[in-house]
Amino acid sequence: MYHPYNQNPYFQHQQASQSFNPHHRETKSLPDQWVEYIQPLVTRALSEVEEGINLTHLFQEFILSGVLVGQGFTPEQAIEQVETWEKGESKLLQASKAMK
């Protein structure tokens, strides 16, 4: 399924903090690392806006994906999981997708 600490910037930042090296300069802030890490979600959301997906569904889909990324999923795994829920067990995602 997923490895909880794969490429997650928070985890990487924590590891770097624990192994302090006074000669190492971090080149990117933690927020900037997160922004780069979630770029696949942003790109996908923008393409879905262009396809005409309603905003309620779009926000639900990508906020859920963000939660999953925070839990250790990669952005790609998060999108895949939300799409699986949308096709199966989530009646609310199905209903919001059907809204015009």
C-alpha atoms as a PDB file:
ATOM      1  CA  MET A   1       0.000   0.000   0.000  1.00  0.00           C
ATOM      2  CA  TYR A   2       2.272   2.811   1.195  1.00  0.00           C
ATOM      3  CA  HIS A   3       5.318   3.384   3.291  1.00  0.00           C
ATOM      4  CA  PRO A   4       4.546   5.995   5.951  1.00  0.00           C
ATOM      5  CA  TYR A   5       7.835   7.824   5.698  1.00  0.00           C
ATOM      6  CA  ASN A   6       8.692   7.561   2.002  1.00  0.00           C
ATOM      7  CA  GLN A   7       9.481  11.011   0.604  1.00  0.00           C
ATOM      8  CA  ASN A   8       7.454  12.965   3.169  1.00  0.00           C
ATOM      9  CA  PRO A   9       9.219  16.334   3.665  1.00  0.00           C
ATOM     10  CA  TYR A  10       8.267  16.527   7.341  1.00  0.00           C
ATOM     11  CA  PHE A  11       9.907  13.193   8.063  1.00  0.00           C
ATOM     12  CA  GLN A  12      12.992  14.120   6.070  1.00  0.00           C
ATOM     13  CA  HIS A  13      13.191  17.436   7.921  1.00  0.00           C
ATOM     14  CA  GLN A  14      12.910  15.626  11.259  1.00  0.00           C
ATOM     15  CA  GLN A  15      15.696  13.215  10.292  1.00  0.00           C
ATOM     16  CA  ALA A  16      17.931  16.096   9.247  1.00  0.00           C
ATOM     17  CA  SER A  17      17.250  17.880  12.545  1.00  0.00           C
ATOM     18  CA  GLN A  18      18.177  14.785  14.528  1.00  0.00           C
ATOM     19  CA  SER A  19      21.481  14.335  12.729  1.00  0.00           C
ATOM     20  CA  PHE A  20      22.656  17.917  13.041  1.00  0.00           C
ATOM     21  CA  ASN A  21      25.668  18.811  10.956  1.00  0.00           C
ATOM     22  CA  PRO A  22      26.940  22.354  11.597  1.00  0.00           C
ATOM     23  CA  HIS A  23      28.470  22.487   8.104  1.00  0.00           C
ATOM     24  CA  HIS A  24      25.215  21.590   6.353  1.00  0.00           C
ATOM     25  CA  ARG A  25      22.985  24.394   5.180  1.00  0.00           C
ATOM     26  CA  GLU A  26      19.424  23.501   4.340  1.00  0.00           C
ATOM     27  CA  THR A  27      18.676  25.039   0.978  1.00  0.00           C
ATOM     28  CA  LYS A  28      14.876  24.909   1.167  1.00  0.00           C
ATOM     29  CA  SER A  29      12.507  25.640   3.983  1.00  0.00           C
ATOM     30  CA  LEU A  30      10.144  22.898   5.111  1.00  0.00           C
ATOM     31  CA  PRO A  31       7.124  24.706   3.623  1.00  0.00           C
ATOM     32  CA  ASP A  32       8.922  25.002   0.279  1.00  0.00           C
ATOM     33  CA  GLN A  33       9.737  21.290   0.364  1.00  0.00           C
ATOM     34  CA  TRP A  34       6.038  20.531   0.941  1.00  0.00           C
ATOM     35  CA  VAL A  35       4.972  22.823  -1.895  1.00  0.00           C
ATOM     36  CA  GLU A  36       7.301  20.994  -4.259  1.00  0.00           C
ATOM     37  CA  TYR A  37       6.208  17.591  -2.940  1.00  0.00           C
ATOM     38  CA  ILE A  38       2.499  18.244  -3.515  1.00  0.00           C
ATOM     39  CA  GLN A  39       2.980  19.707  -6.994  1.00  0.00           C
ATOM     40  CA  PRO A  40       1.458  16.582  -8.630  1.00  0.00           C
ATOM     41  CA  LEU A  41      -1.745  17.276  -6.683  1.00  0.00           C
ATOM     42  CA  VAL A  42      -1.779  20.905  -7.797  1.00  0.00           C
ATOM     43  CA  THR A  43      -1.158  19.975 -11.426  1.00  0.00           C
ATOM     44  CA  ARG A  44      -3.915  17.364 -11.341  1.00  0.00           C
ATOM     45  CA  ALA A  45      -6.389  19.755  -9.671  1.00  0.00           C
ATOM     46  CA  LEU A  46      -5.735  22.449 -12.286  1.00  0.00           C
ATOM     47  CA  SER A  47      -6.317  19.987 -15.105  1.00  0.00           C
ATOM     48  CA  GLU A  48      -9.594  18.871 -13.513  1.00  0.00           C
ATOM     49  CA  VAL A  49     -10.747  22.488 -13.279  1.00  0.00           C
ATOM     50  CA  GLU A  50     -10.150  22.800 -17.027  1.00  0.00           C
ATOM     51  CA  GLU A  51     -12.217  19.627 -17.555  1.00  0.00           C
ATOM     52  CA  GLY A  52     -15.148  21.290 -15.804  1.00  0.00           C
ATOM     53  CA  ILE A  53     -15.226  19.216 -12.597  1.00  0.00           C
ATOM     54  CA  ASN A  54     -17.440  21.023 -10.083  1.00  0.00           C
ATOM     55  CA  LEU A  55     -15.562  22.828  -7.347  1.00  0.00           C
ATOM     56  CA  THR A  56     -17.241  21.054  -4.432  1.00  0.00           C
ATOM     57  CA  HIS A  57     -16.051  17.695  -5.709  1.00  0.00           C
ATOM     58  CA  LEU A  58     -12.655  19.095  -6.633  1.00  0.00           C
ATOM     59  CA  PHE A  59     -12.080  20.498  -3.143  1.00  0.00           C
ATOM     60  CA  GLN A  60     -13.229  17.277  -1.492  1.00  0.00           C
ATOM     61  CA  GLU A  61     -10.990  15.172  -3.692  1.00  0.00           C
ATOM     62  CA  PHE A  62      -7.858  17.225  -3.219  1.00  0.00           C
ATOM     63  CA  ILE A  63      -8.280  18.035   0.456  1.00  0.00           C
ATOM     64  CA  LEU A  64      -8.678  14.303   1.094  1.00  0.00           C
ATOM     65  CA  SER A  65      -5.567  13.694  -1.004  1.00  0.00           C
ATOM     66  CA  GLY A  66      -3.694  16.243   1.090  1.00  0.00           C
ATOM     67  CA  VAL A  67      -4.755  14.501   4.286  1.00  0.00           C
ATOM     68  CA  LEU A  68      -3.458  11.208   2.906  1.00  0.00           C
ATOM     69  CA  VAL A  69      -0.158  12.816   1.909  1.00  0.00           C
ATOM     70  CA  GLY A  70       0.136  14.039   5.483  1.00  0.00           C
ATOM     71  CA  GLN A  71      -0.374  10.440   6.596  1.00  0.00           C
ATOM     72  CA  GLY A  72       2.553   9.254   4.471  1.00  0.00           C
ATOM     73  CA  PHE A  73       1.052   8.470   1.070  1.00  0.00           C
ATOM     74  CA  THR A  74       2.841   9.831  -1.976  1.00  0.00           C
ATOM     75  CA  PRO A  75       0.740  12.342  -3.930  1.00  0.00           C
ATOM     76  CA  GLU A  76       0.179   9.721  -6.625  1.00  0.00           C
ATOM     77  CA  GLN A  77      -0.922   7.096  -4.091  1.00  0.00           C
ATOM     78  CA  ALA A  78      -3.234   9.620  -2.439  1.00  0.00           C
ATOM     79  CA  ILE A  79      -4.966  10.461  -5.722  1.00  0.00           C
ATOM     80  CA  GLU A  80      -5.333   6.776  -6.518  1.00  0.00           C
ATOM     81  CA  GLN A  81      -6.828   6.053  -3.082  1.00  0.00           C
ATOM     82  CA  VAL A  82      -9.363   8.885  -3.328  1.00  0.00           C
ATOM     83  CA  GLU A  83     -10.385   7.712  -6.808  1.00  0.00           C
ATOM     84  CA  THR A  84     -10.867   4.194  -5.402  1.00  0.00           C
ATOM     85  CA  TRP A  85     -13.108   5.586  -2.668  1.00  0.00           C
ATOM     86  CA  GLU A  86     -14.997   7.636  -5.246  1.00  0.00           C
ATOM     87  CA  LYS A  87     -15.719   4.516  -7.314  1.00  0.00           C
ATOM     88  CA  GLY A  88     -16.686   2.392  -4.323  1.00  0.00           C
ATOM     89  CA  GLU A  89     -17.350   3.101  -0.714  1.00  0.00           C
ATOM     90  CA  SER A  90     -17.801   6.900  -0.622  1.00  0.00           C
ATOM     91  CA  LYS A  91     -21.363   7.881  -1.419  1.00  0.00           C
ATOM     92  CA  LEU A  92     -20.566  11.527  -0.672  1.00  0.00           C
ATOM     93  CA  LEU A  93     -17.767  11.674  -3.252  1.00  0.00           C
ATOM     94  CA  GLN A  94     -20.044   9.982  -5.785  1.00  0.00           C
ATOM     95  CA  ALA A  95     -22.824  12.484  -5.072  1.00  0.00           C
ATOM     96  CA  SER A  96     -20.540  15.529  -5.333  1.00  0.00           C
ATOM     97  CA  LYS A  97     -19.093  14.248  -8.609  1.00  0.00           C
ATOM     98  CA  ALA A  98     -22.613  13.965 -10.043  1.00  0.00           C
ATOM     99  CA  MET A  99     -23.442  17.597  -9.108  1.00  0.00           C
ATOM    100  CA  LYS A 100     -23.388  20.131 -11.910  1.00  0.00           C
END
